[in-house]
N, C-alpha and C. Protein backbone atom coordinates (compact mmCIF):
# COMPACT_ATOMS: atom_id res chain seq x y z
N UNK A 1 57.63 75.49 127.06
CA UNK A 1 56.90 76.44 127.70
C UNK A 1 55.61 76.54 127.16
N UNK A 2 54.73 77.46 127.81
CA UNK A 2 53.52 77.56 127.63
C UNK A 2 53.07 79.10 127.35
N UNK A 3 52.30 79.65 126.50
CA UNK A 3 51.79 80.96 126.66
C UNK A 3 50.66 81.30 125.62
N UNK A 4 50.05 82.69 125.92
CA UNK A 4 49.07 82.93 125.01
C UNK A 4 49.45 83.82 123.99
N UNK A 5 49.01 83.52 122.85
CA UNK A 5 49.16 84.55 121.40
C UNK A 5 48.39 85.93 121.84
N UNK A 6 49.27 86.86 121.87
CA UNK A 6 48.69 88.21 122.48
C UNK A 6 48.43 89.16 121.26
N UNK A 7 49.42 89.14 120.19
CA UNK A 7 49.35 89.73 118.98
C UNK A 7 49.59 88.97 117.66
N UNK A 8 48.94 89.24 116.83
CA UNK A 8 49.48 88.56 115.57
C UNK A 8 48.89 89.36 114.31
N UNK A 9 50.01 89.41 113.40
CA UNK A 9 49.92 90.35 112.17
C UNK A 9 49.86 89.26 110.92
N UNK A 10 48.43 88.90 110.74
CA UNK A 10 48.24 87.71 109.60
C UNK A 10 49.01 88.19 108.37
N UNK A 11 48.68 89.37 107.83
CA UNK A 11 49.33 89.73 106.58
C UNK A 11 50.81 89.86 106.47
N UNK A 12 51.68 89.66 107.72
CA UNK A 12 53.06 89.72 107.77
C UNK A 12 53.42 88.23 108.25
N UNK A 13 52.67 87.48 108.96
CA UNK A 13 52.84 86.09 109.43
C UNK A 13 53.51 86.10 110.55
N UNK A 14 53.55 86.88 111.55
CA UNK A 14 54.18 87.01 112.70
C UNK A 14 53.59 87.62 113.76
N UNK A 15 53.76 87.33 115.11
CA UNK A 15 53.11 88.03 116.31
C UNK A 15 54.00 87.62 117.46
N UNK A 16 53.32 87.84 118.66
CA UNK A 16 53.98 87.62 119.87
C UNK A 16 53.26 86.96 121.11
N UNK A 17 53.85 85.96 121.67
CA UNK A 17 53.32 85.23 122.69
C UNK A 17 53.77 85.79 124.04
N UNK A 18 52.77 85.78 125.08
CA UNK A 18 53.00 86.20 126.36
C UNK A 18 53.35 85.03 127.15
N UNK A 19 54.49 84.71 127.58
CA UNK A 19 55.09 83.60 128.11
C UNK A 19 54.54 83.51 129.48
N UNK A 20 53.87 82.41 129.99
CA UNK A 20 53.39 82.18 131.25
C UNK A 20 54.61 82.29 132.46
N UNK A 21 55.59 81.56 131.87
CA UNK A 21 56.73 81.42 132.84
C UNK A 21 57.43 82.68 133.35
N UNK A 22 57.63 83.69 132.45
CA UNK A 22 58.40 84.87 132.87
C UNK A 22 57.49 86.12 132.68
N UNK A 23 56.50 86.05 132.00
CA UNK A 23 55.51 87.13 131.59
C UNK A 23 56.27 88.26 130.48
N UNK A 24 57.13 87.53 129.61
CA UNK A 24 57.69 88.35 128.63
C UNK A 24 57.05 87.81 127.26
N UNK A 25 57.13 89.05 126.37
CA UNK A 25 56.70 88.72 125.07
C UNK A 25 57.74 88.03 124.25
N UNK A 26 57.45 86.96 123.59
CA UNK A 26 58.23 86.11 122.57
C UNK A 26 57.74 86.29 121.42
N UNK A 27 58.74 86.73 120.28
CA UNK A 27 58.27 86.73 118.88
C UNK A 27 58.13 85.35 118.16
N UNK A 28 57.03 85.33 117.49
CA UNK A 28 56.81 84.04 116.87
C UNK A 28 56.57 84.08 115.35
N UNK A 29 56.97 83.41 114.40
CA UNK A 29 56.69 83.40 112.77
C UNK A 29 55.85 82.55 112.71
N UNK A 30 55.07 82.55 111.51
CA UNK A 30 54.35 81.50 111.12
C UNK A 30 54.96 80.23 110.82
N UNK A 31 56.18 80.04 110.49
CA UNK A 31 56.88 78.76 110.23
C UNK A 31 57.09 78.03 111.25
N UNK A 32 56.96 78.69 112.57
CA UNK A 32 57.14 77.86 113.50
C UNK A 32 55.97 76.88 113.83
N UNK A 33 54.79 77.22 113.28
CA UNK A 33 53.57 76.37 113.60
C UNK A 33 53.67 75.28 112.51
N UNK A 34 52.95 74.13 113.10
CA UNK A 34 52.93 73.03 112.37
C UNK A 34 52.29 73.39 110.77
N UNK A 35 52.88 72.55 109.74
CA UNK A 35 52.34 72.99 108.50
C UNK A 35 51.08 72.28 108.42
N UNK A 36 50.17 73.11 107.54
CA UNK A 36 48.64 72.84 107.36
C UNK A 36 47.83 73.02 108.40
N UNK A 37 48.40 73.67 109.39
CA UNK A 37 47.43 73.78 110.69
C UNK A 37 46.64 75.26 110.36
N UNK A 38 45.68 75.52 111.04
CA UNK A 38 44.71 76.74 110.99
C UNK A 38 45.55 78.09 111.34
N UNK A 39 45.27 79.06 110.85
CA UNK A 39 45.92 80.48 110.97
C UNK A 39 45.83 80.58 112.54
N UNK A 40 46.89 81.07 113.25
CA UNK A 40 46.84 81.65 114.58
C UNK A 40 45.80 82.43 114.89
N UNK A 41 45.35 82.50 116.05
CA UNK A 41 44.29 83.56 116.69
C UNK A 41 44.61 83.99 117.91
N UNK A 42 44.67 85.28 118.12
CA UNK A 42 44.87 86.19 119.33
C UNK A 42 44.08 85.68 120.45
N UNK A 43 44.85 85.21 121.47
CA UNK A 43 44.05 84.73 122.77
C UNK A 43 44.23 82.99 122.85
N UNK A 44 44.90 82.31 121.57
CA UNK A 44 45.04 81.13 121.59
C UNK A 44 46.17 80.49 122.51
N UNK A 45 45.99 79.70 123.24
CA UNK A 45 46.91 78.90 124.04
C UNK A 45 48.03 77.96 123.23
N UNK A 46 49.47 78.30 123.40
CA UNK A 46 50.53 77.64 122.68
C UNK A 46 51.36 76.73 123.53
N UNK A 47 52.11 75.93 123.08
CA UNK A 47 53.13 75.24 123.85
C UNK A 47 54.35 75.41 122.72
N UNK A 48 55.43 75.85 123.15
CA UNK A 48 56.64 76.22 122.32
C UNK A 48 57.78 76.00 123.02
N UNK A 49 59.06 76.07 122.26
CA UNK A 49 60.38 76.02 122.91
C UNK A 49 61.09 77.42 122.58
N UNK A 50 61.86 77.96 123.05
CA UNK A 50 62.61 79.21 122.86
C UNK A 50 63.93 78.91 122.46
N UNK A 51 64.17 79.80 121.22
CA UNK A 51 65.49 79.66 120.40
C UNK A 51 66.18 81.06 120.49
N UNK A 52 67.21 81.10 120.63
CA UNK A 52 68.03 82.35 120.45
C UNK A 52 68.73 82.56 119.12
N UNK A 53 68.58 83.64 118.52
CA UNK A 53 69.28 83.63 117.15
C UNK A 53 70.52 84.17 117.32
N UNK A 54 71.20 84.21 116.12
CA UNK A 54 72.49 84.87 116.31
C UNK A 54 72.87 86.04 116.69
N UNK A 55 71.67 86.77 116.27
CA UNK A 55 71.91 88.29 116.79
C UNK A 55 71.59 88.57 118.33
N UNK A 56 71.11 87.30 118.99
CA UNK A 56 70.91 87.42 120.40
C UNK A 56 69.30 87.72 120.76
N UNK A 57 68.61 87.66 119.77
CA UNK A 57 67.05 87.64 120.12
C UNK A 57 66.48 86.42 120.16
N UNK A 58 65.27 86.33 120.97
CA UNK A 58 64.59 85.21 121.20
C UNK A 58 63.43 85.27 120.32
N UNK A 59 63.18 83.67 120.00
CA UNK A 59 61.99 83.51 119.21
C UNK A 59 61.27 82.09 119.52
N UNK A 60 59.92 81.96 119.28
CA UNK A 60 59.30 80.74 119.65
C UNK A 60 59.58 79.88 118.59
N UNK A 61 59.72 78.40 118.79
CA UNK A 61 59.91 77.43 117.73
C UNK A 61 59.09 76.32 118.20
N UNK A 62 58.80 75.32 117.42
CA UNK A 62 58.07 74.12 117.54
C UNK A 62 56.72 74.33 118.19
N UNK A 63 56.08 75.10 117.85
CA UNK A 63 54.48 75.55 118.28
C UNK A 63 53.63 74.18 118.30
N UNK A 64 53.08 73.93 119.54
CA UNK A 64 52.07 72.85 119.64
C UNK A 64 50.63 73.75 120.07
N UNK A 65 49.65 73.42 119.37
CA UNK A 65 48.31 74.12 119.61
C UNK A 65 47.68 73.65 120.80
N UNK A 66 46.67 74.21 121.31
CA UNK A 66 46.04 74.09 122.73
C UNK A 66 45.51 72.63 122.60
N UNK A 67 44.99 72.20 121.50
CA UNK A 67 44.31 70.97 121.76
C UNK A 67 45.42 69.66 121.78
N UNK A 68 46.60 69.85 121.47
CA UNK A 68 47.53 68.90 121.51
C UNK A 68 48.25 69.33 122.76
N UNK A 69 47.82 70.32 123.75
CA UNK A 69 48.72 70.47 125.09
C UNK A 69 47.83 69.78 126.10
N UNK A 70 46.53 69.32 125.85
CA UNK A 70 45.66 68.57 127.05
C UNK A 70 46.57 67.39 127.51
N UNK A 71 46.52 66.96 128.53
CA UNK A 71 47.31 65.95 129.01
C UNK A 71 46.47 64.68 128.47
N UNK A 72 47.10 63.48 127.97
CA UNK A 72 46.47 62.43 127.53
C UNK A 72 46.23 61.36 128.73
N UNK A 73 45.21 60.70 128.85
CA UNK A 73 44.97 59.79 129.86
C UNK A 73 46.05 58.59 129.80
N UNK A 74 46.49 58.04 130.64
CA UNK A 74 47.60 57.19 130.70
C UNK A 74 46.84 55.71 131.02
N UNK A 75 46.78 54.73 130.40
CA UNK A 75 46.17 53.71 130.84
C UNK A 75 47.03 52.89 131.94
N UNK A 76 48.05 53.17 132.33
CA UNK A 76 48.65 52.48 133.50
C UNK A 76 48.92 53.54 134.52
N UNK A 77 48.63 53.18 135.75
CA UNK A 77 48.94 54.14 136.54
C UNK A 77 50.03 53.62 137.47
N UNK A 78 51.15 54.49 137.47
CA UNK A 78 52.37 54.01 138.27
C UNK A 78 52.13 54.75 139.76
N UNK A 79 52.75 53.76 140.67
CA UNK A 79 52.77 54.25 142.21
C UNK A 79 53.73 55.42 142.07
N UNK A 80 53.32 56.35 143.12
CA UNK A 80 54.50 57.28 143.07
C UNK A 80 55.77 57.02 144.28
N UNK A 81 55.37 55.86 144.96
CA UNK A 81 56.49 55.30 145.90
C UNK A 81 57.05 54.06 145.44
N UNK A 82 58.26 53.93 145.46
CA UNK A 82 58.77 52.66 145.04
C UNK A 82 58.38 51.53 145.85
N UNK A 83 57.67 50.48 145.21
CA UNK A 83 57.50 49.20 145.94
C UNK A 83 58.01 48.00 145.52
N UNK A 84 57.52 46.86 145.85
CA UNK A 84 57.90 45.59 145.39
C UNK A 84 58.16 45.58 143.83
N UNK A 85 57.33 45.93 142.89
CA UNK A 85 57.39 45.86 141.71
C UNK A 85 58.66 46.74 141.15
N UNK A 86 59.00 47.68 141.41
CA UNK A 86 59.85 48.78 141.18
C UNK A 86 61.19 47.94 141.45
N UNK A 87 61.35 47.49 142.75
CA UNK A 87 62.64 46.94 143.27
C UNK A 87 62.95 45.56 142.46
N UNK A 88 61.81 44.76 142.13
CA UNK A 88 62.01 43.52 141.30
C UNK A 88 62.50 43.95 139.89
N UNK A 89 61.76 44.71 139.26
CA UNK A 89 62.36 45.32 137.99
C UNK A 89 63.92 45.54 138.10
N UNK A 90 64.12 46.40 139.13
CA UNK A 90 65.59 46.91 139.38
C UNK A 90 66.43 45.73 139.33
N UNK A 91 65.82 44.57 140.27
CA UNK A 91 66.89 43.44 140.62
C UNK A 91 66.91 42.70 139.01
N UNK A 92 65.95 42.63 138.49
CA UNK A 92 65.99 41.73 137.14
C UNK A 92 66.94 42.59 136.19
N UNK A 93 66.97 43.83 135.98
CA UNK A 93 67.81 44.48 135.22
C UNK A 93 69.29 44.38 135.58
N UNK A 94 69.48 44.54 136.89
CA UNK A 94 70.82 44.12 137.40
C UNK A 94 71.39 42.79 137.18
N UNK A 95 70.59 41.97 137.32
CA UNK A 95 71.10 40.69 136.98
C UNK A 95 71.18 40.38 135.62
N UNK A 96 70.49 40.88 134.58
CA UNK A 96 70.84 40.93 133.11
C UNK A 96 71.99 41.43 132.78
N UNK A 97 72.25 42.62 133.36
CA UNK A 97 73.35 43.44 132.96
C UNK A 97 74.67 42.47 133.41
N UNK A 98 74.76 41.92 134.71
CA UNK A 98 75.66 41.02 135.00
C UNK A 98 75.92 39.86 134.17
N UNK A 99 74.99 39.09 133.57
CA UNK A 99 75.09 38.07 132.76
C UNK A 99 75.52 38.71 131.43
N UNK A 100 75.20 39.70 130.97
CA UNK A 100 75.65 40.22 129.53
C UNK A 100 77.12 40.47 129.84
N UNK A 101 77.56 41.13 130.76
CA UNK A 101 79.09 41.56 131.02
C UNK A 101 79.96 40.05 131.25
N UNK A 102 79.36 39.31 131.67
CA UNK A 102 79.89 38.03 131.98
C UNK A 102 80.10 37.15 130.59
N UNK A 103 78.96 37.15 129.77
CA UNK A 103 79.20 36.56 128.29
C UNK A 103 80.21 37.36 127.52
N UNK A 104 80.07 38.75 127.66
CA UNK A 104 81.06 39.47 126.84
C UNK A 104 82.30 39.00 127.00
N UNK A 105 82.80 38.95 128.33
CA UNK A 105 84.17 38.86 128.87
C UNK A 105 84.53 37.41 128.45
N UNK A 106 83.82 36.48 128.70
CA UNK A 106 84.11 35.02 128.36
C UNK A 106 84.30 34.92 126.84
N UNK A 107 83.62 35.73 126.12
CA UNK A 107 83.80 35.40 124.68
C UNK A 107 85.10 36.01 124.20
N UNK A 108 85.50 37.13 124.93
CA UNK A 108 86.81 37.84 124.74
C UNK A 108 88.01 36.81 124.85
N UNK A 109 87.69 36.04 125.77
CA UNK A 109 89.01 35.12 126.13
C UNK A 109 88.75 33.71 125.38
N UNK A 110 87.69 33.32 124.94
CA UNK A 110 87.62 32.04 123.94
C UNK A 110 88.30 32.00 122.89
N UNK A 111 88.38 33.26 122.26
CA UNK A 111 88.94 33.25 120.98
C UNK A 111 90.47 33.14 121.03
N UNK A 112 91.10 33.53 122.08
CA UNK A 112 92.62 33.65 122.36
C UNK A 112 93.23 32.11 122.11
N UNK A 113 94.35 32.15 121.40
CA UNK A 113 94.80 30.79 121.19
C UNK A 113 95.40 30.18 122.38
N UNK A 114 95.39 28.91 122.32
CA UNK A 114 95.86 28.00 123.55
C UNK A 114 97.24 28.07 123.55
N UNK A 115 98.06 27.42 124.75
CA UNK A 115 99.54 27.19 124.69
C UNK A 115 100.02 26.53 123.68
N UNK A 116 99.34 25.41 123.12
CA UNK A 116 99.85 24.68 122.08
C UNK A 116 100.23 25.50 120.92
N UNK A 117 99.71 26.88 120.71
CA UNK A 117 99.93 27.47 119.50
C UNK A 117 100.77 28.77 119.75
N UNK A 118 101.50 28.55 120.83
CA UNK A 118 102.65 29.52 121.05
C UNK A 118 103.66 29.76 120.19
N UNK A 119 104.01 30.93 119.76
CA UNK A 119 105.07 31.04 118.53
C UNK A 119 106.43 30.86 119.37
N UNK A 120 107.35 30.28 118.48
CA UNK A 120 108.68 29.89 118.92
C UNK A 120 109.68 30.99 117.97
N UNK A 121 110.73 31.34 118.49
CA UNK A 121 111.60 32.02 117.89
C UNK A 121 112.92 31.13 117.70
N UNK A 122 113.25 30.94 116.40
CA UNK A 122 114.53 30.03 116.29
C UNK A 122 115.78 30.75 116.39
N UNK A 123 116.97 30.25 116.35
CA UNK A 123 118.25 31.07 116.51
C UNK A 123 118.39 32.22 115.26
N UNK A 124 117.78 31.75 114.18
CA UNK A 124 117.92 32.59 113.02
C UNK A 124 116.97 33.76 113.10
N UNK A 125 116.13 33.64 114.27
CA UNK A 125 115.04 34.89 114.39
C UNK A 125 113.91 34.57 113.58
N UNK A 126 113.71 33.58 112.90
CA UNK A 126 112.40 33.15 112.20
C UNK A 126 111.38 32.60 113.16
N UNK A 127 110.17 32.94 113.33
CA UNK A 127 109.05 32.30 113.96
C UNK A 127 108.76 31.21 113.40
N UNK A 128 108.53 30.27 114.40
CA UNK A 128 107.88 29.04 114.02
C UNK A 128 106.63 28.81 114.85
N UNK A 129 105.69 28.20 114.31
CA UNK A 129 104.42 27.78 114.99
C UNK A 129 104.00 26.54 114.81
N UNK A 130 103.80 25.69 116.14
CA UNK A 130 103.56 24.07 115.93
C UNK A 130 101.98 24.11 115.00
N UNK A 131 101.79 22.92 114.58
CA UNK A 131 100.40 22.76 113.73
C UNK A 131 99.38 23.06 114.57
N UNK A 132 98.26 24.01 114.01
CA UNK A 132 97.17 24.31 114.49
C UNK A 132 95.96 23.14 114.34
N UNK A 133 95.36 23.08 115.47
CA UNK A 133 94.11 21.95 115.24
C UNK A 133 92.68 22.93 115.18
N UNK A 134 91.83 22.64 114.60
CA UNK A 134 90.63 23.21 114.31
C UNK A 134 89.90 23.61 115.66
N UNK A 135 90.22 23.10 116.74
CA UNK A 135 89.42 23.50 118.09
C UNK A 135 89.92 24.78 118.50
N UNK A 136 91.25 25.03 118.20
CA UNK A 136 91.85 26.32 118.69
C UNK A 136 91.12 27.53 118.24
N UNK A 137 90.70 27.70 116.99
CA UNK A 137 90.06 28.83 116.44
C UNK A 137 88.93 28.70 115.69
N UNK A 138 88.06 29.59 115.51
CA UNK A 138 86.93 29.39 114.69
C UNK A 138 86.77 30.67 113.66
N UNK A 139 86.20 30.62 112.56
CA UNK A 139 86.09 31.42 111.55
C UNK A 139 84.82 32.24 112.30
N UNK A 140 85.27 33.63 112.27
CA UNK A 140 84.38 34.73 112.86
C UNK A 140 84.17 35.86 112.15
N UNK A 141 84.88 35.85 110.92
CA UNK A 141 84.57 36.91 110.06
C UNK A 141 85.80 37.90 109.70
N UNK A 142 86.75 37.71 110.62
CA UNK A 142 87.92 38.43 110.37
C UNK A 142 88.71 38.03 109.43
N UNK A 143 89.51 39.03 108.54
CA UNK A 143 89.85 38.62 107.16
C UNK A 143 91.37 39.17 107.01
N UNK A 144 91.78 40.12 108.00
CA UNK A 144 93.03 40.85 107.66
C UNK A 144 94.06 40.24 108.76
N UNK A 145 95.46 40.38 108.30
CA UNK A 145 96.49 40.21 109.36
C UNK A 145 96.30 41.21 110.72
N UNK A 146 95.96 42.38 110.34
CA UNK A 146 95.83 43.02 111.50
C UNK A 146 94.76 42.65 112.59
N UNK A 147 94.02 41.89 112.26
CA UNK A 147 92.80 41.46 113.21
C UNK A 147 93.41 40.07 113.95
N UNK A 148 94.34 39.47 113.48
CA UNK A 148 94.96 38.15 114.05
C UNK A 148 95.82 38.49 115.36
N UNK A 149 95.83 37.63 116.23
CA UNK A 149 96.59 37.65 117.37
C UNK A 149 97.67 36.89 117.49
N UNK A 150 98.10 36.06 116.35
CA UNK A 150 99.29 35.24 116.40
C UNK A 150 99.35 34.59 114.90
N UNK A 151 100.69 34.14 114.54
CA UNK A 151 100.79 33.73 113.02
C UNK A 151 99.84 32.39 113.04
N UNK A 152 99.91 31.82 114.23
CA UNK A 152 99.06 30.25 114.23
C UNK A 152 97.65 30.56 113.96
N UNK A 153 97.19 31.63 114.69
CA UNK A 153 95.74 32.17 114.11
C UNK A 153 95.48 32.35 112.58
N UNK A 154 96.69 33.14 112.33
CA UNK A 154 96.46 33.75 110.77
C UNK A 154 96.43 32.65 109.87
N UNK A 155 97.62 31.42 110.16
CA UNK A 155 97.46 30.24 109.40
C UNK A 155 96.17 29.36 109.19
N UNK A 156 95.72 29.57 110.48
CA UNK A 156 94.26 28.67 110.58
C UNK A 156 93.24 29.34 109.68
N UNK A 157 93.30 30.78 109.83
CA UNK A 157 92.06 31.34 108.86
C UNK A 157 92.40 31.38 107.57
N UNK A 158 93.67 31.31 107.02
CA UNK A 158 94.17 31.22 105.82
C UNK A 158 93.61 29.89 105.36
N UNK A 159 93.86 28.87 106.01
CA UNK A 159 93.42 27.47 105.60
C UNK A 159 92.03 27.21 105.59
N UNK A 160 91.24 27.78 106.59
CA UNK A 160 89.98 27.04 106.95
C UNK A 160 88.76 28.14 106.66
N UNK A 161 89.22 29.34 106.50
CA UNK A 161 88.12 30.43 106.65
C UNK A 161 87.96 31.07 104.98
N UNK A 162 86.85 31.44 104.73
CA UNK A 162 86.48 32.13 103.35
C UNK A 162 86.82 33.49 103.39
N UNK A 163 87.37 34.06 102.10
CA UNK A 163 87.48 35.56 101.89
C UNK A 163 88.48 36.13 102.71
N UNK A 164 89.63 35.26 103.17
CA UNK A 164 90.86 36.01 103.87
C UNK A 164 91.59 36.71 102.93
N UNK A 165 92.11 37.73 103.48
CA UNK A 165 92.87 38.85 102.56
C UNK A 165 94.51 38.89 103.34
N UNK A 166 95.07 37.69 103.67
CA UNK A 166 96.36 37.59 104.12
C UNK A 166 97.66 36.82 103.48
N UNK A 167 97.14 36.62 102.22
CA UNK A 167 98.10 35.99 101.38
C UNK A 167 98.39 36.88 99.98
N UNK A 168 98.99 37.98 100.11
CA UNK A 168 98.73 38.74 98.99
C UNK A 168 99.64 37.95 97.66
N UNK A 169 100.73 37.44 97.92
CA UNK A 169 101.18 36.67 96.81
C UNK A 169 100.83 35.19 96.42
N UNK A 170 99.91 35.04 97.30
CA UNK A 170 99.16 33.56 97.13
C UNK A 170 100.23 32.16 97.23
N UNK A 171 101.07 32.54 97.84
CA UNK A 171 101.96 31.25 98.27
C UNK A 171 101.65 30.45 99.34
N UNK A 172 100.65 30.62 100.12
CA UNK A 172 100.00 29.91 101.16
C UNK A 172 100.52 30.21 102.33
N UNK A 173 101.58 31.31 102.55
CA UNK A 173 102.11 31.77 103.77
C UNK A 173 101.19 33.20 104.14
N UNK A 174 100.56 33.24 105.26
CA UNK A 174 100.00 34.48 105.46
C UNK A 174 100.83 35.65 106.44
N UNK A 175 100.28 36.57 106.31
CA UNK A 175 100.89 37.83 107.01
C UNK A 175 102.46 37.81 106.85
N UNK A 176 102.94 37.72 105.65
CA UNK A 176 104.50 37.72 105.48
C UNK A 176 105.10 39.00 105.90
N UNK A 177 104.17 40.03 105.71
CA UNK A 177 104.94 41.29 106.12
C UNK A 177 104.84 41.87 107.56
N UNK A 178 104.31 40.71 108.34
CA UNK A 178 104.45 40.53 109.83
C UNK A 178 105.30 39.56 110.31
N UNK A 179 106.04 38.99 109.35
CA UNK A 179 107.07 37.82 109.48
C UNK A 179 106.58 36.79 110.05
N UNK A 180 105.29 36.43 109.58
CA UNK A 180 104.93 35.04 109.96
C UNK A 180 105.43 34.04 109.05
N UNK A 181 106.09 33.18 109.43
CA UNK A 181 106.88 32.24 108.43
C UNK A 181 106.52 30.72 109.24
N UNK A 182 106.01 29.84 108.36
CA UNK A 182 105.54 28.45 109.01
C UNK A 182 106.39 27.57 108.40
């Protein structure tokens, strides 16, 4: 909002701004002005925001002085009607978004184990997993059992990846609490 400082009590550090928008007087305190700026003067044009206090009164905050209210020259003039450039930029952005989504989806599926690592349940109820090859999984920073998708993946991570935290009793069998037995 913009307005003119119409009253100022310098000894008390407050005054009133006449708001151009609705012609109402708005209270302003010296603390709303930028620190280090000159003292306010009656008749000065100001930019400001309005805040409602807890008791329901309004006051001006974030004051900007008339010198900073002048519009700055723009080095680039934009067309007011969408043209070929705007449509081209929109098309490029849409293509980039589609590519990013496709890459994200493909990454989600490439870390899943292949069918050669399918868990098998024996008659005793114990899971067994065929030997895992290095091409099925890759070290990607996961270190805990809760981050694994299968016992085969946990076994690969324990054997090949640094700083894993899946073998609490150091017996070489990961995720025993989740019943991964190899």
